[in-house]
């Protein structure tokens, strides 16, 4: 058959050629035997090669080409994917490091501020305690001075009373005056 006849065969005719049973071949030849059967099968294979050989070869070439392209594309995609994963990992690591550094800096700042506040509170507490002690000493001194002054005046009054007789009215006035001085 020629190439033009090969192209004009319909798909049902082609399917029929592929599906000829071996027993029909035996019956059509009228011969039996394995040798003749092998010869018929070989002839059938040759007919198939003539009818479909170029098409099968083209399909095989296309398949091999697609397979190579597929493998090449998969390899390229795998490399791109690995590069993207590596870049993403590096980016995550870099962001994590930045965040960690930020947290450490903030922690250092807070510790420094806490230390400064603690130092200030200690200094203020010390200043307040010093002022309280000074004020207590001043008040104690003032009270001591007033007590000594009152004792001195009382002793003077007692001495004056012993030297002079005083009437009740003068004594009452003097004690009233003495009480007023003590209150102030």
N, C-alpha and C. Protein backbone atom coordinates (compact mmCIF):
# COMPACT_ATOMS: atom_id res chain seq x y z
N UNK A 1 0.84 -1.18 0.00
CA UNK A 1 0.00 0.00 0.00
C UNK A 1 0.88 1.24 0.00
N UNK A 2 0.34 2.29 -0.54
CA UNK A 2 1.10 3.54 -0.58
C UNK A 2 0.73 4.40 0.63
N UNK A 3 1.48 5.47 0.79
CA UNK A 3 1.26 6.37 1.94
C UNK A 3 -0.09 7.05 1.85
N UNK A 4 -0.54 7.36 0.66
CA UNK A 4 -1.85 8.02 0.52
C UNK A 4 -2.95 7.08 0.97
N UNK A 5 -2.84 5.80 0.70
CA UNK A 5 -3.84 4.84 1.15
C UNK A 5 -3.76 4.65 2.66
N UNK A 6 -2.58 4.76 3.21
CA UNK A 6 -2.42 4.63 4.67
C UNK A 6 -3.18 5.74 5.38
N UNK A 7 -3.11 6.92 4.87
CA UNK A 7 -3.74 8.07 5.51
C UNK A 7 -5.25 8.03 5.36
N UNK A 8 -5.75 7.36 4.30
CA UNK A 8 -7.18 7.34 4.05
C UNK A 8 -7.89 6.27 4.85
N UNK A 9 -7.20 5.34 5.44
CA UNK A 9 -7.84 4.29 6.24
C UNK A 9 -8.48 4.92 7.46
N UNK A 10 -9.69 4.49 7.74
CA UNK A 10 -10.37 5.04 8.91
C UNK A 10 -9.87 4.34 10.17
N UNK A 11 -10.23 4.90 11.31
CA UNK A 11 -9.77 4.35 12.58
C UNK A 11 -10.41 2.99 12.84
N UNK A 12 -11.61 2.76 12.35
CA UNK A 12 -12.23 1.43 12.55
C UNK A 12 -11.53 0.38 11.71
N UNK A 13 -11.06 0.77 10.52
CA UNK A 13 -10.32 -0.17 9.69
C UNK A 13 -8.98 -0.49 10.33
N UNK A 14 -8.37 0.54 10.90
CA UNK A 14 -7.09 0.33 11.55
C UNK A 14 -7.26 -0.57 12.76
N UNK A 15 -8.30 -0.38 13.50
CA UNK A 15 -8.56 -1.20 14.67
C UNK A 15 -8.80 -2.64 14.25
N UNK A 16 -9.44 -2.82 13.12
CA UNK A 16 -9.70 -4.17 12.62
C UNK A 16 -8.43 -4.88 12.25
N UNK A 17 -7.45 -4.17 11.72
CA UNK A 17 -6.18 -4.79 11.34
C UNK A 17 -5.45 -5.25 12.59
N UNK A 18 -5.49 -4.47 13.62
CA UNK A 18 -4.78 -4.81 14.86
C UNK A 18 -5.43 -5.99 15.57
N UNK A 19 -6.69 -6.26 15.30
CA UNK A 19 -7.40 -7.25 16.08
C UNK A 19 -7.75 -8.52 15.29
N UNK A 20 -6.99 -8.89 14.30
CA UNK A 20 -7.25 -10.11 13.54
C UNK A 20 -6.83 -11.29 14.40
N UNK A 21 -7.75 -12.17 14.72
CA UNK A 21 -7.39 -13.33 15.54
C UNK A 21 -6.50 -14.30 14.77
N UNK A 22 -5.66 -14.99 15.51
CA UNK A 22 -4.72 -15.94 14.92
C UNK A 22 -5.49 -17.09 14.27
N UNK A 23 -6.61 -17.51 14.83
CA UNK A 23 -7.36 -18.65 14.29
C UNK A 23 -7.96 -18.31 12.93
N UNK A 24 -8.34 -17.04 12.71
CA UNK A 24 -8.87 -16.64 11.40
C UNK A 24 -7.77 -16.75 10.36
N UNK A 25 -6.55 -16.38 10.78
CA UNK A 25 -5.43 -16.49 9.85
C UNK A 25 -5.22 -17.95 9.43
N UNK A 26 -5.32 -18.85 10.39
CA UNK A 26 -5.15 -20.28 10.09
C UNK A 26 -6.26 -20.76 9.16
N UNK A 27 -7.45 -20.32 9.45
CA UNK A 27 -8.60 -20.79 8.66
C UNK A 27 -8.53 -20.23 7.26
N UNK A 28 -8.08 -19.00 7.08
CA UNK A 28 -8.05 -18.40 5.76
C UNK A 28 -6.97 -19.04 4.89
N UNK A 29 -5.89 -19.48 5.46
CA UNK A 29 -4.81 -20.10 4.69
C UNK A 29 -5.07 -21.58 4.48
N UNK A 30 -5.82 -22.15 5.36
CA UNK A 30 -6.09 -23.57 5.25
C UNK A 30 -4.93 -24.41 5.70
N UNK A 31 -3.89 -23.83 6.19
CA UNK A 31 -2.75 -24.58 6.65
C UNK A 31 -2.71 -24.53 8.17
N UNK A 32 -2.09 -25.48 8.71
CA UNK A 32 -1.94 -25.46 10.17
C UNK A 32 -0.48 -25.62 10.47
N UNK A 33 -0.14 -25.25 11.70
CA UNK A 33 1.25 -25.42 12.09
C UNK A 33 1.81 -24.14 12.67
N UNK A 34 2.75 -24.37 13.52
CA UNK A 34 3.34 -23.22 14.23
C UNK A 34 4.25 -22.41 13.31
N UNK A 35 4.90 -23.00 12.41
CA UNK A 35 5.82 -22.30 11.53
C UNK A 35 5.05 -21.34 10.64
N UNK A 36 3.94 -21.84 10.09
CA UNK A 36 3.14 -20.99 9.23
C UNK A 36 2.52 -19.85 10.04
N UNK A 37 2.11 -20.14 11.25
CA UNK A 37 1.52 -19.13 12.13
C UNK A 37 2.55 -18.04 12.44
N UNK A 38 3.75 -18.42 12.74
CA UNK A 38 4.82 -17.46 13.03
C UNK A 38 5.07 -16.60 11.81
N UNK A 39 5.04 -17.18 10.66
CA UNK A 39 5.25 -16.45 9.42
C UNK A 39 4.13 -15.44 9.21
N UNK A 40 2.90 -15.86 9.47
CA UNK A 40 1.75 -14.95 9.31
C UNK A 40 1.82 -13.80 10.32
N UNK A 41 2.23 -14.11 11.52
CA UNK A 41 2.35 -13.06 12.55
C UNK A 41 3.44 -12.08 12.14
N UNK A 42 4.54 -12.58 11.62
CA UNK A 42 5.62 -11.71 11.16
C UNK A 42 5.14 -10.81 10.02
N UNK A 43 4.35 -11.40 9.12
CA UNK A 43 3.81 -10.61 8.01
C UNK A 43 2.86 -9.54 8.54
N UNK A 44 2.07 -9.94 9.49
CA UNK A 44 1.13 -8.99 10.10
C UNK A 44 1.90 -7.85 10.79
N UNK A 45 3.00 -8.19 11.47
CA UNK A 45 3.83 -7.17 12.10
C UNK A 45 4.43 -6.23 11.05
N UNK A 46 4.83 -6.79 9.93
CA UNK A 46 5.39 -5.97 8.86
C UNK A 46 4.33 -5.03 8.29
N UNK A 47 3.10 -5.55 8.14
CA UNK A 47 2.01 -4.70 7.63
C UNK A 47 1.72 -3.57 8.62
N UNK A 48 1.72 -3.93 9.90
CA UNK A 48 1.49 -2.90 10.92
C UNK A 48 2.61 -1.85 10.87
N UNK A 49 3.84 -2.31 10.73
CA UNK A 49 4.95 -1.36 10.66
C UNK A 49 4.81 -0.45 9.45
N UNK A 50 4.35 -1.01 8.34
CA UNK A 50 4.17 -0.19 7.14
C UNK A 50 3.05 0.82 7.34
N UNK A 51 1.96 0.37 7.94
CA UNK A 51 0.82 1.26 8.12
C UNK A 51 1.07 2.31 9.23
N UNK A 52 1.62 1.87 10.32
CA UNK A 52 1.71 2.75 11.49
C UNK A 52 3.14 3.10 11.88
N UNK A 53 4.11 2.61 11.22
CA UNK A 53 5.50 2.78 11.62
C UNK A 53 5.94 4.23 11.76
N UNK A 54 5.66 5.02 10.71
CA UNK A 54 6.08 6.42 10.75
C UNK A 54 5.35 7.16 11.87
N UNK A 55 4.07 6.86 11.98
CA UNK A 55 3.26 7.54 13.00
C UNK A 55 3.73 7.15 14.41
N UNK A 56 4.02 5.85 14.61
CA UNK A 56 4.49 5.38 15.91
C UNK A 56 5.87 6.00 16.21
N UNK A 57 6.74 6.04 15.21
CA UNK A 57 8.06 6.62 15.40
C UNK A 57 7.94 8.10 15.76
N UNK A 58 7.03 8.81 15.06
CA UNK A 58 6.82 10.23 15.37
C UNK A 58 6.29 10.39 16.79
N UNK A 59 5.35 9.52 17.17
CA UNK A 59 4.80 9.57 18.52
C UNK A 59 5.89 9.27 19.56
N UNK A 60 6.74 8.28 19.24
CA UNK A 60 7.82 7.96 20.17
C UNK A 60 8.79 9.13 20.30
N UNK A 61 9.11 9.76 19.18
CA UNK A 61 9.99 10.94 19.22
C UNK A 61 9.34 12.07 20.03
N UNK A 62 8.05 12.29 19.76
CA UNK A 62 7.33 13.32 20.51
C UNK A 62 7.32 12.98 22.00
N UNK A 63 7.08 11.70 22.31
CA UNK A 63 7.04 11.27 23.70
C UNK A 63 8.41 11.49 24.36
N UNK A 64 9.47 11.09 23.66
CA UNK A 64 10.81 11.26 24.22
C UNK A 64 11.14 12.75 24.40
N UNK A 65 10.75 13.55 23.41
CA UNK A 65 10.98 14.99 23.50
C UNK A 65 10.20 15.58 24.69
N UNK A 66 8.92 15.18 24.81
CA UNK A 66 8.12 15.66 25.94
C UNK A 66 8.70 15.19 27.26
N UNK A 67 9.15 13.95 27.28
CA UNK A 67 9.73 13.40 28.51
C UNK A 67 10.99 14.18 28.90
N UNK A 68 11.85 14.47 27.90
CA UNK A 68 13.05 15.26 28.18
C UNK A 68 12.68 16.66 28.66
N UNK A 69 11.74 17.29 27.96
CA UNK A 69 11.29 18.63 28.37
C UNK A 69 10.68 18.60 29.77
N UNK A 70 9.91 17.56 30.04
CA UNK A 70 9.28 17.43 31.35
C UNK A 70 10.35 17.28 32.43
N UNK A 71 11.32 16.40 32.18
CA UNK A 71 12.41 16.22 33.15
C UNK A 71 13.20 17.52 33.33
N UNK A 72 13.46 18.21 32.22
CA UNK A 72 14.19 19.48 32.28
C UNK A 72 13.39 20.52 33.08
N UNK A 73 12.09 20.61 32.78
CA UNK A 73 11.24 21.58 33.49
C UNK A 73 11.12 21.23 34.98
N UNK A 74 11.00 19.95 35.27
CA UNK A 74 10.92 19.53 36.68
C UNK A 74 12.22 19.90 37.39
N UNK A 75 13.35 19.67 36.71
CA UNK A 75 14.65 20.01 37.30
C UNK A 75 14.75 21.51 37.55
N UNK A 76 14.33 22.30 36.58
CA UNK A 76 14.35 23.76 36.72
C UNK A 76 13.43 24.18 37.87
N UNK A 77 12.22 23.62 37.89
CA UNK A 77 11.28 23.95 38.97
C UNK A 77 11.82 23.55 40.33
N UNK A 78 12.47 22.39 40.39
CA UNK A 78 13.04 21.92 41.65
C UNK A 78 14.13 22.89 42.12
N UNK A 79 14.99 23.33 41.18
CA UNK A 79 16.04 24.28 41.54
C UNK A 79 15.43 25.61 42.00
N UNK A 80 14.43 26.09 41.26
CA UNK A 80 13.77 27.35 41.64
C UNK A 80 13.09 27.20 43.01
N UNK A 81 12.44 26.07 43.21
CA UNK A 81 11.75 25.82 44.48
C UNK A 81 12.76 25.79 45.63
N UNK A 82 13.87 25.06 45.42
CA UNK A 82 14.90 25.00 46.45
C UNK A 82 15.49 26.38 46.73
N UNK A 83 15.71 27.15 45.66
CA UNK A 83 16.24 28.51 45.83
C UNK A 83 15.24 29.37 46.59
N UNK A 84 13.95 29.24 46.26
CA UNK A 84 12.91 30.01 46.96
C UNK A 84 12.83 29.62 48.43
N UNK A 85 12.91 28.33 48.68
CA UNK A 85 12.86 27.84 50.07
C UNK A 85 14.07 28.37 50.84
N UNK A 86 15.25 28.30 50.22
CA UNK A 86 16.46 28.80 50.86
C UNK A 86 16.36 30.30 51.13
N UNK A 87 15.87 31.04 50.13
CA UNK A 87 15.70 32.49 50.30
C UNK A 87 14.69 32.80 51.40
N UNK A 88 13.59 32.05 51.41
CA UNK A 88 12.58 32.24 52.46
C UNK A 88 13.15 31.92 53.83
N UNK A 89 13.92 30.83 53.93
CA UNK A 89 14.54 30.46 55.20
C UNK A 89 15.50 31.55 55.66
N UNK A 90 16.30 32.07 54.73
CA UNK A 90 17.25 33.13 55.08
C UNK A 90 16.50 34.39 55.52
N UNK A 91 15.41 34.70 54.83
CA UNK A 91 14.60 35.86 55.19
C UNK A 91 13.99 35.69 56.58
N UNK A 92 13.46 34.50 56.86
CA UNK A 92 12.89 34.22 58.18
C UNK A 92 13.97 34.30 59.25
N UNK A 93 15.13 33.73 58.95
CA UNK A 93 16.24 33.78 59.92
C UNK A 93 16.66 35.23 60.18
N UNK A 94 16.73 36.02 59.11
CA UNK A 94 17.13 37.42 59.24
C UNK A 94 16.09 38.19 60.06
N UNK A 95 14.83 37.98 59.77
CA UNK A 95 13.75 38.66 60.53
C UNK A 95 13.79 38.21 62.00
N UNK A 96 14.01 36.94 62.21
CA UNK A 96 14.07 36.42 63.59
C UNK A 96 15.24 37.06 64.33
N UNK A 97 16.37 37.18 63.66
CA UNK A 97 17.56 37.79 64.28
C UNK A 97 17.30 39.26 64.59
N UNK A 98 16.65 39.97 63.66
CA UNK A 98 16.31 41.37 63.90
C UNK A 98 15.38 41.50 65.10
N UNK A 99 14.38 40.65 65.15
CA UNK A 99 13.43 40.68 66.27
C UNK A 99 14.12 40.35 67.58
N UNK A 100 15.00 39.36 67.55
CA UNK A 100 15.75 38.98 68.75
C UNK A 100 16.64 40.14 69.22
N UNK A 101 17.31 40.80 68.27
CA UNK A 101 18.16 41.95 68.62
C UNK A 101 17.31 43.09 69.19
N UNK A 102 16.15 43.31 68.59
CA UNK A 102 15.25 44.35 69.09
C UNK A 102 14.82 44.06 70.52
N UNK A 103 14.46 42.82 70.76
CA UNK A 103 14.03 42.43 72.10
C UNK A 103 15.16 42.57 73.11
N UNK A 104 16.36 42.18 72.72
CA UNK A 104 17.51 42.31 73.62
C UNK A 104 17.81 43.78 73.91
N UNK A 105 17.72 44.63 72.89
CA UNK A 105 17.96 46.07 73.09
C UNK A 105 16.91 46.65 74.03
N UNK A 106 15.66 46.27 73.81
CA UNK A 106 14.59 46.78 74.67
C UNK A 106 14.77 46.28 76.11
N UNK A 107 15.17 45.03 76.25
CA UNK A 107 15.41 44.48 77.59
C UNK A 107 16.55 45.22 78.27
N UNK A 108 17.61 45.52 77.53
CA UNK A 108 18.74 46.26 78.09
C UNK A 108 18.30 47.67 78.52
N UNK A 109 17.49 48.31 77.68
CA UNK A 109 17.00 49.65 78.01
C UNK A 109 16.14 49.60 79.28
N UNK A 110 15.28 48.61 79.37
CA UNK A 110 14.42 48.50 80.55
C UNK A 110 15.24 48.20 81.81
N UNK A 111 16.25 47.35 81.69
CA UNK A 111 17.11 47.07 82.85
C UNK A 111 17.86 48.33 83.28
N UNK A 112 18.35 49.09 82.31
CA UNK A 112 19.05 50.34 82.64
C UNK A 112 18.09 51.31 83.32
N UNK A 113 16.88 51.43 82.79
CA UNK A 113 15.89 52.34 83.39
C UNK A 113 15.52 51.87 84.79
N UNK A 114 15.37 50.55 84.97
CA UNK A 114 15.05 50.00 86.29
C UNK A 114 16.18 50.28 87.27
N UNK A 115 17.41 50.08 86.83
CA UNK A 115 18.57 50.37 87.70
C UNK A 115 18.62 51.85 88.07
N UNK A 116 18.35 52.71 87.10
CA UNK A 116 18.37 54.15 87.34
C UNK A 116 17.27 54.54 88.34
N UNK A 117 16.07 53.97 88.15
CA UNK A 117 14.98 54.25 89.08
C UNK A 117 15.30 53.75 90.48
N UNK A 118 15.87 52.57 90.57
CA UNK A 118 16.24 52.01 91.87
C UNK A 118 17.28 52.90 92.56
N UNK A 119 18.25 53.36 91.80
CA UNK A 119 19.28 54.25 92.34
C UNK A 119 18.66 55.56 92.81
N UNK A 120 17.77 56.11 92.00
CA UNK A 120 17.10 57.36 92.37
C UNK A 120 16.27 57.18 93.63
N UNK A 121 15.52 56.09 93.71
CA UNK A 121 14.70 55.83 94.90
C UNK A 121 15.57 55.67 96.14
N UNK A 122 16.69 54.98 96.01
CA UNK A 122 17.59 54.80 97.14
C UNK A 122 18.14 56.15 97.61
N UNK A 123 18.54 56.98 96.65
CA UNK A 123 19.08 58.30 96.97
C UNK A 123 18.00 59.18 97.61
N UNK A 124 16.79 59.17 97.06
CA UNK A 124 15.69 59.96 97.62
C UNK A 124 15.36 59.48 99.03
N UNK A 125 15.30 58.15 99.19
CA UNK A 125 15.00 57.57 100.51
C UNK A 125 16.06 58.00 101.53
N UNK A 126 17.30 57.96 101.13
CA UNK A 126 18.41 58.37 102.01
C UNK A 126 18.28 59.85 102.36
N UNK A 127 17.97 60.68 101.36
CA UNK A 127 17.81 62.12 101.61
C UNK A 127 16.66 62.38 102.58
N UNK A 128 15.55 61.69 102.39
CA UNK A 128 14.39 61.87 103.27
C UNK A 128 14.73 61.45 104.69
N UNK A 129 15.40 60.30 104.83
CA UNK A 129 15.77 59.84 106.17
C UNK A 129 16.72 60.82 106.84
N UNK A 130 17.65 61.37 106.09
CA UNK A 130 18.59 62.36 106.64
C UNK A 130 17.83 63.60 107.10
N UNK A 131 16.89 64.09 106.28
CA UNK A 131 16.11 65.27 106.64
C UNK A 131 15.25 65.00 107.87
N UNK A 132 14.68 63.80 107.95
CA UNK A 132 13.86 63.44 109.11
C UNK A 132 14.72 63.43 110.37
N UNK A 133 15.91 62.84 110.27
CA UNK A 133 16.81 62.78 111.44
C UNK A 133 17.22 64.18 111.87
N UNK A 134 17.56 65.05 110.90
CA UNK A 134 17.93 66.44 111.23
C UNK A 134 16.77 67.18 111.89
N UNK A 135 15.56 67.00 111.33
CA UNK A 135 14.38 67.66 111.89
C UNK A 135 14.09 67.15 113.30
N UNK A 136 14.25 65.83 113.48
CA UNK A 136 14.03 65.26 114.82
C UNK A 136 15.05 65.83 115.82
N UNK A 137 16.30 65.97 115.41
CA UNK A 137 17.33 66.53 116.29
C UNK A 137 17.02 67.98 116.62
N UNK A 138 16.56 68.74 115.60
CA UNK A 138 16.23 70.14 115.81
C UNK A 138 15.06 70.27 116.79
N UNK A 139 14.03 69.43 116.59
CA UNK A 139 12.85 69.47 117.48
C UNK A 139 13.26 69.05 118.90
N UNK A 140 14.08 67.99 119.00
CA UNK A 140 14.55 67.55 120.32
C UNK A 140 15.33 68.68 121.01
N UNK A 141 16.18 69.35 120.25
CA UNK A 141 16.97 70.45 120.79
C UNK A 141 16.06 71.59 121.24
N UNK A 142 15.06 71.90 120.38
CA UNK A 142 14.14 72.99 120.73
C UNK A 142 13.36 72.63 122.00
N UNK A 143 12.93 71.37 122.10
CA UNK A 143 12.20 70.94 123.30
C UNK A 143 13.11 71.00 124.54
N UNK A 144 14.32 70.55 124.37
CA UNK A 144 15.29 70.60 125.48
C UNK A 144 15.52 72.04 125.91
N UNK A 145 15.68 72.93 124.90
CA UNK A 145 15.90 74.34 125.22
C UNK A 145 14.69 74.92 125.97
N UNK A 146 13.51 74.61 125.51
CA UNK A 146 12.30 75.12 126.17
C UNK A 146 12.17 74.55 127.59
N UNK A 147 12.50 73.28 127.73
CA UNK A 147 12.41 72.66 129.06
C UNK A 147 13.42 73.31 130.01
N UNK A 148 14.63 73.53 129.52
CA UNK A 148 15.65 74.17 130.37
C UNK A 148 15.22 75.59 130.74
N UNK A 149 14.70 76.31 129.74
CA UNK A 149 14.25 77.67 129.99
C UNK A 149 13.12 77.70 131.02
N UNK A 150 12.16 76.75 130.85
CA UNK A 150 11.03 76.69 131.78
C UNK A 150 11.53 76.30 133.18
N UNK A 151 12.47 75.36 133.23
CA UNK A 151 13.02 74.95 134.53
C UNK A 151 13.74 76.11 135.19
N UNK A 152 14.49 76.86 134.39
CA UNK A 152 15.23 77.99 134.91
C UNK A 152 14.28 79.05 135.46
N UNK A 153 13.23 79.35 134.70
CA UNK A 153 12.26 80.34 135.14
C UNK A 153 11.56 79.87 136.40
N UNK A 154 11.22 78.57 136.43
CA UNK A 154 10.55 78.02 137.61
C UNK A 154 11.47 78.13 138.83
N UNK A 155 12.74 77.79 138.63
CA UNK A 155 13.70 77.91 139.73
C UNK A 155 13.84 79.35 140.19
N UNK A 156 13.85 80.29 139.23
CA UNK A 156 13.93 81.71 139.57
C UNK A 156 12.70 82.14 140.36
N UNK A 157 11.55 81.67 139.95
CA UNK A 157 10.31 82.02 140.63
C UNK A 157 10.30 81.44 142.05
N UNK A 158 10.79 80.21 142.12
CA UNK A 158 10.83 79.57 143.44
C UNK A 158 11.78 80.35 144.35
N UNK A 159 12.90 80.75 143.80
CA UNK A 159 13.87 81.52 144.58
C UNK A 159 13.28 82.87 144.97
N UNK A 160 12.58 83.50 144.09
CA UNK A 160 11.96 84.78 144.36
C UNK A 160 10.89 84.60 145.42
N UNK A 161 10.16 83.54 145.35
CA UNK A 161 9.10 83.30 146.33
C UNK A 161 9.69 83.02 147.70
N UNK A 162 10.76 82.38 147.73
CA UNK A 162 11.37 82.08 149.03
C UNK A 162 11.89 83.37 149.66
N UNK A 163 12.43 84.26 148.82
CA UNK A 163 12.96 85.50 149.34
C UNK A 163 11.84 86.47 149.74
N UNK A 164 10.77 86.43 149.10
CA UNK A 164 9.68 87.36 149.35
C UNK A 164 8.43 86.58 149.62
N UNK A 165 7.66 87.16 150.45
CA UNK A 165 6.35 86.57 150.65
C UNK A 165 5.46 87.15 149.58
N UNK A 166 4.78 86.33 148.98
CA UNK A 166 3.90 86.77 147.90
C UNK A 166 2.48 86.40 148.30
N UNK A 167 1.62 87.23 147.96
CA UNK A 167 0.24 86.91 148.25
C UNK A 167 -0.31 85.97 147.18
N UNK A 168 -1.45 85.50 147.48
CA UNK A 168 -2.06 84.51 146.59
C UNK A 168 -2.33 85.09 145.22
N UNK A 169 -2.73 86.28 145.14
CA UNK A 169 -3.08 86.90 143.88
C UNK A 169 -1.84 87.03 143.00
N UNK A 170 -0.74 87.46 143.51
CA UNK A 170 0.49 87.61 142.75
C UNK A 170 0.99 86.24 142.30
N UNK A 171 0.87 85.27 143.21
CA UNK A 171 1.29 83.92 142.87
C UNK A 171 0.45 83.36 141.73
N UNK A 172 -0.83 83.57 141.74
CA UNK A 172 -1.72 83.10 140.69
C UNK A 172 -1.38 83.76 139.37
N UNK A 173 -1.09 85.04 139.40
CA UNK A 173 -0.73 85.78 138.19
C UNK A 173 0.58 85.24 137.64
N UNK A 174 1.52 85.00 138.53
CA UNK A 174 2.81 84.49 138.10
C UNK A 174 2.68 83.09 137.49
N UNK A 175 1.90 82.22 138.12
CA UNK A 175 1.70 80.87 137.55
C UNK A 175 0.95 80.92 136.21
N UNK A 176 0.02 81.84 136.08
CA UNK A 176 -0.71 82.01 134.82
C UNK A 176 0.25 82.44 133.74
N UNK A 177 1.10 83.42 134.09
CA UNK A 177 2.09 83.91 133.13
C UNK A 177 3.05 82.78 132.76
N UNK A 178 3.44 82.02 133.75
CA UNK A 178 4.34 80.89 133.51
C UNK A 178 3.68 79.85 132.60
N UNK A 179 2.40 79.55 132.80
CA UNK A 179 1.68 78.60 131.97
C UNK A 179 1.57 79.09 130.53
N UNK A 180 1.36 80.38 130.34
CA UNK A 180 1.27 80.95 129.00
C UNK A 180 2.59 80.82 128.26
N UNK A 181 3.69 81.06 129.02
CA UNK A 181 5.01 80.94 128.40
C UNK A 181 5.29 79.50 127.98
N UNK A 182 4.82 78.55 128.80
CA UNK A 182 5.01 77.14 128.47
C UNK A 182 4.21 76.73 127.22
N UNK A 183 3.04 77.30 127.10
CA UNK A 183 2.20 76.97 125.94
C UNK A 183 2.79 77.49 124.64
N UNK A 184 3.44 78.58 124.68
CA UNK A 184 3.96 79.16 123.46
C UNK A 184 5.32 78.66 123.21
